[in-house]
């Protein structure tokens, strides 16, 4: 899901500049996306915060608050607007 998160953030977000050139921002947003995707697929899934914790303590160094909020809203709105067909078991 983390790698999918990289592609999702590049597609969904239009951050000033190219986020693919900012490794730290790219990693934080990919982790955020992977967490939200996992929640979209299964609300009971247990997320391993080990990798995201590496970046979480640096969010205020990496992002301006308004920029992070804008990114979070854009990613979460996109993910939660996705519709998936359910297969009956």
N, C-alpha and C. Protein backbone atom coordinates (compact mmCIF):
# COMPACT_ATOMS: atom_id res chain seq x y z
N UNK A 1 0.83 -1.20 0.00
CA UNK A 1 0.00 0.00 0.00
C UNK A 1 0.88 1.26 0.00
N UNK A 2 2.03 1.16 0.64
CA UNK A 2 2.92 2.33 0.68
C UNK A 2 3.34 2.73 -0.73
N UNK A 3 3.73 1.76 -1.54
CA UNK A 3 4.16 2.08 -2.91
C UNK A 3 3.00 2.62 -3.73
N UNK A 4 1.82 2.08 -3.55
CA UNK A 4 0.63 2.62 -4.20
C UNK A 4 0.38 4.04 -3.74
N UNK A 5 0.65 4.31 -2.47
CA UNK A 5 0.51 5.65 -1.92
C UNK A 5 1.39 6.67 -2.63
N UNK A 6 2.60 6.25 -3.03
CA UNK A 6 3.48 7.14 -3.80
C UNK A 6 2.80 7.57 -5.09
N UNK A 7 2.25 6.63 -5.81
CA UNK A 7 1.60 6.94 -7.09
C UNK A 7 0.34 7.78 -6.87
N UNK A 8 -0.39 7.47 -5.84
CA UNK A 8 -1.62 8.21 -5.55
C UNK A 8 -1.32 9.67 -5.24
N UNK A 9 -0.33 9.92 -4.40
CA UNK A 9 -0.05 11.31 -4.02
C UNK A 9 0.44 12.13 -5.21
N UNK A 10 1.21 11.51 -6.08
CA UNK A 10 1.68 12.23 -7.26
C UNK A 10 0.50 12.57 -8.17
N UNK A 11 -0.45 11.64 -8.27
CA UNK A 11 -1.61 11.85 -9.13
C UNK A 11 -2.61 12.85 -8.57
N UNK A 12 -2.84 12.78 -7.25
CA UNK A 12 -3.90 13.58 -6.63
C UNK A 12 -3.44 14.98 -6.27
N UNK A 13 -2.22 15.11 -5.79
CA UNK A 13 -1.78 16.40 -5.24
C UNK A 13 -1.06 17.26 -6.26
N UNK A 14 -1.31 18.51 -6.14
CA UNK A 14 -0.60 19.51 -6.94
C UNK A 14 0.08 20.47 -5.97
N UNK A 15 1.14 19.97 -5.33
CA UNK A 15 1.88 20.79 -4.37
C UNK A 15 2.82 21.70 -5.15
N UNK A 16 3.06 22.88 -4.60
CA UNK A 16 4.00 23.81 -5.24
C UNK A 16 5.33 23.09 -5.41
N UNK A 17 5.78 23.01 -6.61
CA UNK A 17 7.00 22.28 -6.89
C UNK A 17 6.68 20.83 -7.19
N UNK A 18 7.72 20.05 -7.29
CA UNK A 18 7.59 18.64 -7.64
C UNK A 18 7.86 17.81 -6.39
N UNK A 19 6.81 17.16 -5.82
CA UNK A 19 7.02 16.43 -4.57
C UNK A 19 7.91 15.22 -4.76
N UNK A 20 8.05 14.76 -5.99
CA UNK A 20 8.92 13.60 -6.19
C UNK A 20 10.37 13.96 -5.92
N UNK A 21 10.69 15.24 -5.91
CA UNK A 21 12.05 15.67 -5.62
C UNK A 21 12.27 15.90 -4.13
N UNK A 22 11.21 15.86 -3.34
CA UNK A 22 11.32 16.06 -1.90
C UNK A 22 11.06 14.72 -1.21
N UNK A 23 12.12 14.01 -0.94
CA UNK A 23 12.03 12.64 -0.42
C UNK A 23 11.21 12.56 0.86
N UNK A 24 11.45 13.46 1.79
CA UNK A 24 10.76 13.41 3.08
C UNK A 24 9.24 13.61 2.91
N UNK A 25 8.85 14.61 2.14
CA UNK A 25 7.41 14.85 1.90
C UNK A 25 6.79 13.65 1.20
N UNK A 26 7.49 13.14 0.23
CA UNK A 26 7.00 12.00 -0.53
C UNK A 26 6.74 10.80 0.39
N UNK A 27 7.64 10.53 1.32
CA UNK A 27 7.49 9.41 2.24
C UNK A 27 6.33 9.62 3.21
N UNK A 28 6.20 10.81 3.76
CA UNK A 28 5.11 11.11 4.69
C UNK A 28 3.76 10.95 3.98
N UNK A 29 3.64 11.49 2.79
CA UNK A 29 2.37 11.42 2.07
C UNK A 29 2.06 10.00 1.59
N UNK A 30 3.07 9.24 1.23
CA UNK A 30 2.84 7.85 0.84
C UNK A 30 2.35 7.03 2.04
N UNK A 31 2.92 7.27 3.21
CA UNK A 31 2.47 6.56 4.41
C UNK A 31 1.06 6.97 4.79
N UNK A 32 0.77 8.24 4.70
CA UNK A 32 -0.58 8.72 4.97
C UNK A 32 -1.57 8.05 4.02
N UNK A 33 -1.22 8.00 2.75
CA UNK A 33 -2.08 7.38 1.75
C UNK A 33 -2.26 5.89 2.03
N UNK A 34 -1.18 5.21 2.38
CA UNK A 34 -1.30 3.77 2.63
C UNK A 34 -2.19 3.49 3.84
N UNK A 35 -2.09 4.32 4.87
CA UNK A 35 -2.96 4.16 6.03
C UNK A 35 -4.43 4.34 5.65
N UNK A 36 -4.71 5.40 4.91
CA UNK A 36 -6.09 5.67 4.50
C UNK A 36 -6.63 4.61 3.55
N UNK A 37 -5.79 4.10 2.65
CA UNK A 37 -6.21 3.03 1.76
C UNK A 37 -6.55 1.76 2.54
N UNK A 38 -5.71 1.43 3.51
CA UNK A 38 -5.98 0.25 4.32
C UNK A 38 -7.30 0.40 5.07
N UNK A 39 -7.55 1.57 5.58
CA UNK A 39 -8.82 1.82 6.28
C UNK A 39 -10.00 1.73 5.31
N UNK A 40 -9.80 2.17 4.08
CA UNK A 40 -10.87 2.11 3.08
C UNK A 40 -11.24 0.66 2.77
N UNK A 41 -10.23 -0.20 2.68
CA UNK A 41 -10.48 -1.59 2.35
C UNK A 41 -11.02 -2.40 3.52
N UNK A 42 -10.56 -2.11 4.73
CA UNK A 42 -10.96 -2.91 5.88
C UNK A 42 -10.78 -2.10 7.16
N UNK A 43 -11.87 -1.72 7.78
CA UNK A 43 -11.80 -0.89 8.99
C UNK A 43 -11.19 -1.62 10.18
N UNK A 44 -11.12 -2.94 10.13
CA UNK A 44 -10.60 -3.69 11.27
C UNK A 44 -9.13 -4.02 11.14
N UNK A 45 -8.51 -3.63 10.04
CA UNK A 45 -7.12 -3.97 9.82
C UNK A 45 -6.22 -3.23 10.82
N UNK A 46 -5.20 -3.90 11.27
CA UNK A 46 -4.26 -3.28 12.20
C UNK A 46 -3.10 -2.70 11.40
N UNK A 47 -2.90 -1.41 11.53
CA UNK A 47 -1.85 -0.72 10.80
C UNK A 47 -0.57 -0.72 11.63
N UNK A 48 0.54 -1.03 11.01
CA UNK A 48 1.84 -1.01 11.68
C UNK A 48 2.44 0.38 11.53
N UNK A 49 2.50 1.11 12.63
CA UNK A 49 2.98 2.49 12.59
C UNK A 49 4.50 2.61 12.65
N UNK A 50 5.22 1.52 12.63
CA UNK A 50 6.68 1.56 12.79
C UNK A 50 7.34 2.48 11.77
N UNK A 51 7.04 2.31 10.49
CA UNK A 51 7.68 3.14 9.48
C UNK A 51 7.17 4.58 9.52
N UNK A 52 5.87 4.75 9.68
CA UNK A 52 5.33 6.11 9.69
C UNK A 52 5.83 6.91 10.88
N UNK A 53 6.13 6.25 11.99
CA UNK A 53 6.66 6.96 13.15
C UNK A 53 8.03 7.58 12.89
N UNK A 54 8.78 6.99 11.98
CA UNK A 54 10.07 7.55 11.60
C UNK A 54 9.88 8.96 11.04
N UNK A 55 8.80 9.15 10.29
CA UNK A 55 8.53 10.43 9.63
C UNK A 55 7.62 11.34 10.44
N UNK A 56 6.77 10.77 11.27
CA UNK A 56 5.76 11.56 11.98
C UNK A 56 6.37 12.65 12.84
N UNK A 57 7.48 12.36 13.49
CA UNK A 57 8.08 13.37 14.36
C UNK A 57 8.74 14.49 13.56
N UNK A 58 8.81 14.37 12.25
CA UNK A 58 9.42 15.41 11.41
C UNK A 58 8.40 16.19 10.59
N UNK A 59 7.11 15.88 10.76
CA UNK A 59 6.10 16.52 9.91
C UNK A 59 6.16 18.04 10.01
N UNK A 60 6.34 18.58 11.22
CA UNK A 60 6.37 20.04 11.37
C UNK A 60 7.63 20.65 10.77
N UNK A 61 8.68 19.84 10.61
CA UNK A 61 9.89 20.34 9.94
C UNK A 61 9.73 20.32 8.43
N UNK A 62 8.95 19.36 7.94
CA UNK A 62 8.82 19.11 6.51
C UNK A 62 7.74 19.97 5.86
N UNK A 63 6.62 20.12 6.56
CA UNK A 63 5.45 20.81 6.00
C UNK A 63 5.11 22.07 6.79
N UNK A 64 4.56 23.03 6.09
CA UNK A 64 3.85 24.11 6.75
C UNK A 64 2.51 23.50 7.16
N UNK A 65 1.92 23.95 8.26
CA UNK A 65 0.67 23.35 8.76
C UNK A 65 -0.42 23.38 7.70
N UNK A 66 -0.62 24.52 7.07
CA UNK A 66 -1.66 24.64 6.05
C UNK A 66 -1.42 23.70 4.87
N UNK A 67 -0.17 23.53 4.51
CA UNK A 67 0.19 22.64 3.40
C UNK A 67 -0.16 21.19 3.75
N UNK A 68 0.16 20.77 4.97
CA UNK A 68 -0.14 19.40 5.39
C UNK A 68 -1.65 19.16 5.44
N UNK A 69 -2.39 20.11 5.99
CA UNK A 69 -3.85 19.98 6.06
C UNK A 69 -4.44 19.88 4.66
N UNK A 70 -3.96 20.71 3.74
CA UNK A 70 -4.44 20.67 2.35
C UNK A 70 -4.15 19.30 1.72
N UNK A 71 -2.96 18.77 1.95
CA UNK A 71 -2.60 17.46 1.40
C UNK A 71 -3.46 16.37 2.00
N UNK A 72 -3.63 16.40 3.33
CA UNK A 72 -4.43 15.38 4.00
C UNK A 72 -5.87 15.38 3.47
N UNK A 73 -6.44 16.55 3.36
CA UNK A 73 -7.83 16.64 2.87
C UNK A 73 -7.95 16.13 1.44
N UNK A 74 -7.02 16.51 0.59
CA UNK A 74 -7.07 16.08 -0.81
C UNK A 74 -6.96 14.57 -0.92
N UNK A 75 -6.02 13.99 -0.20
CA UNK A 75 -5.82 12.54 -0.26
C UNK A 75 -7.01 11.81 0.33
N UNK A 76 -7.45 12.21 1.51
CA UNK A 76 -8.56 11.50 2.16
C UNK A 76 -9.86 11.65 1.38
N UNK A 77 -10.14 12.83 0.85
CA UNK A 77 -11.35 13.02 0.04
C UNK A 77 -11.32 12.12 -1.20
N UNK A 78 -10.17 12.02 -1.83
CA UNK A 78 -10.06 11.17 -3.01
C UNK A 78 -10.26 9.70 -2.66
N UNK A 79 -9.55 9.24 -1.65
CA UNK A 79 -9.63 7.82 -1.27
C UNK A 79 -11.04 7.44 -0.83
N UNK A 80 -11.67 8.26 -0.02
CA UNK A 80 -12.98 7.90 0.48
C UNK A 80 -14.10 8.13 -0.54
N UNK A 81 -13.76 8.73 -1.67
CA UNK A 81 -14.76 8.86 -2.74
C UNK A 81 -14.70 7.66 -3.69
N UNK A 82 -13.66 6.84 -3.58
CA UNK A 82 -13.53 5.66 -4.44
C UNK A 82 -14.64 4.67 -4.16
N UNK A 83 -15.15 4.08 -5.20
CA UNK A 83 -16.19 3.05 -5.08
C UNK A 83 -15.61 1.73 -5.54
N UNK A 84 -15.84 0.70 -4.76
CA UNK A 84 -15.35 -0.63 -5.10
C UNK A 84 -16.54 -1.59 -5.15
N UNK A 85 -16.51 -2.47 -6.13
CA UNK A 85 -17.55 -3.50 -6.21
C UNK A 85 -17.26 -4.56 -5.16
N UNK A 86 -18.26 -4.98 -4.45
CA UNK A 86 -18.10 -6.02 -3.44
C UNK A 86 -18.39 -7.37 -4.07
N UNK A 87 -17.56 -8.32 -3.76
CA UNK A 87 -17.80 -9.69 -4.18
C UNK A 87 -18.42 -10.45 -3.04
N UNK A 88 -19.49 -11.13 -3.33
CA UNK A 88 -20.09 -11.97 -2.29
C UNK A 88 -19.25 -13.22 -2.14
N UNK A 89 -19.09 -13.63 -0.90
CA UNK A 89 -18.26 -14.80 -0.62
C UNK A 89 -18.98 -16.08 -0.93
